């Protein structure tokens, strides 16, 4: 269990700190939850993209293999990153 916690701590050190900006008209815990949820969406998108790259690396390269599945994972991950990133940018622009 301690090895797992050390790996999580090491992984968390590489992530930049996020401080959600207050959204006008939304105060309290809703703002924090929404802000952190967008950052978690970016991390989930990065995980999906990474999993797609992994599936592409280990997939069956013959003609009858399922060749489109890794690209679905990578496309979904990149789309999630772009959507959450644009929402963070828009909300930070509104809140300034």
Protein backbone atom coordinates (compact mmCIF):
# COMPACT_ATOMS: atom_id res chain seq x y z
CA UNK A 1 0.00 0.00 0.00
CA UNK A 2 2.82 2.42 0.77
CA UNK A 3 4.36 1.89 -2.68
CA UNK A 4 1.07 2.83 -4.29
CA UNK A 5 0.84 5.99 -2.23
CA UNK A 6 4.42 6.92 -3.14
CA UNK A 7 3.62 6.52 -6.85
CA UNK A 8 0.51 8.66 -6.50
CA UNK A 9 2.49 11.32 -4.65
CA UNK A 10 5.19 11.30 -7.33
CA UNK A 11 2.56 11.57 -10.06
CA UNK A 12 0.82 14.44 -8.26
CA UNK A 13 4.09 16.39 -8.04
CA UNK A 14 4.20 16.62 -11.84
CA UNK A 15 0.71 18.12 -12.12
CA UNK A 16 0.62 21.93 -11.97
CA UNK A 17 -1.42 23.32 -9.08
CA UNK A 18 -4.87 24.45 -10.07
CA UNK A 19 -6.74 27.20 -8.32
CA UNK A 20 -10.23 27.61 -9.73
CA UNK A 21 -11.28 31.17 -10.50
CA UNK A 22 -14.55 32.33 -8.99
CA UNK A 23 -17.32 32.48 -11.57
CA UNK A 24 -19.63 35.50 -11.22
CA UNK A 25 -22.96 34.39 -9.77
CA UNK A 26 -21.59 31.06 -8.58
CA UNK A 27 -19.99 31.14 -5.16
CA UNK A 28 -19.06 28.54 -2.61
CA UNK A 29 -18.53 24.86 -3.18
CA UNK A 30 -20.16 24.83 -6.64
CA UNK A 31 -17.34 26.94 -8.08
CA UNK A 32 -14.63 24.74 -6.58
CA UNK A 33 -16.28 21.49 -7.66
CA UNK A 34 -16.84 22.80 -11.20
CA UNK A 35 -13.28 24.11 -11.47
CA UNK A 36 -11.66 20.93 -10.23
CA UNK A 37 -14.00 18.81 -12.38
CA UNK A 38 -12.70 20.54 -15.51
CA UNK A 39 -9.11 19.80 -14.49
CA UNK A 40 -10.06 16.17 -13.85
CA UNK A 41 -11.62 16.04 -17.33
CA UNK A 42 -8.29 17.10 -18.80
CA UNK A 43 -6.53 14.34 -16.86
CA UNK A 44 -9.14 11.82 -18.02
CA UNK A 45 -8.66 12.96 -21.62
CA UNK A 46 -4.91 12.52 -21.28
CA UNK A 47 -5.51 9.03 -19.89
CA UNK A 48 -7.82 8.16 -22.79
CA UNK A 49 -5.30 9.41 -25.31
CA UNK A 50 -2.53 7.43 -23.63
CA UNK A 51 -4.67 4.30 -23.59
CA UNK A 52 -5.39 4.75 -27.29
CA UNK A 53 -1.67 5.02 -28.01
CA UNK A 54 -1.10 1.86 -25.95
CA UNK A 55 -3.86 -0.02 -27.82
CA UNK A 56 -2.37 1.12 -31.13
CA UNK A 57 1.05 -0.16 -30.10
CA UNK A 58 -0.19 -3.62 -29.11
CA UNK A 59 -3.01 -4.06 -31.65
CA UNK A 60 -3.16 -6.77 -34.27
CA UNK A 61 -1.72 -5.26 -37.44
CA UNK A 62 -3.24 -7.82 -39.82
CA UNK A 63 -6.00 -6.91 -42.24
CA UNK A 64 -8.79 -8.37 -40.14
CA UNK A 65 -7.77 -6.68 -36.88
CA UNK A 66 -9.87 -3.96 -35.26
CA UNK A 67 -7.83 -1.02 -36.46
CA UNK A 68 -10.17 1.85 -35.63
CA UNK A 69 -10.59 1.30 -31.89
CA UNK A 70 -7.30 2.94 -30.80
CA UNK A 71 -8.16 5.99 -32.87
CA UNK A 72 -11.55 6.22 -31.16
CA UNK A 73 -9.79 6.31 -27.76
CA UNK A 74 -7.24 8.88 -28.93
CA UNK A 75 -9.87 11.04 -30.64
CA UNK A 76 -12.13 10.99 -27.61
CA UNK A 77 -9.23 11.87 -25.32
CA UNK A 78 -8.07 14.76 -27.49
CA UNK A 79 -11.64 16.05 -27.85
CA UNK A 80 -12.06 15.96 -24.06
CA UNK A 81 -8.81 17.86 -23.54
CA UNK A 82 -9.80 20.51 -26.08
CA UNK A 83 -13.32 20.93 -24.69
CA UNK A 84 -12.25 21.17 -21.05
CA UNK A 85 -9.32 23.44 -21.93
CA UNK A 86 -11.53 25.81 -23.87
CA UNK A 87 -14.08 25.89 -21.04
CA UNK A 88 -11.34 26.71 -18.53
CA UNK A 89 -10.08 29.48 -20.81
CA UNK A 90 -13.56 30.91 -21.34
CA UNK A 91 -14.43 30.83 -17.63
CA UNK A 92 -11.12 32.43 -16.66
CA UNK A 93 -11.76 35.15 -19.23
CA UNK A 94 -15.24 35.79 -17.82
CA UNK A 95 -14.11 35.78 -14.22
CA UNK A 96 -11.26 38.27 -14.69
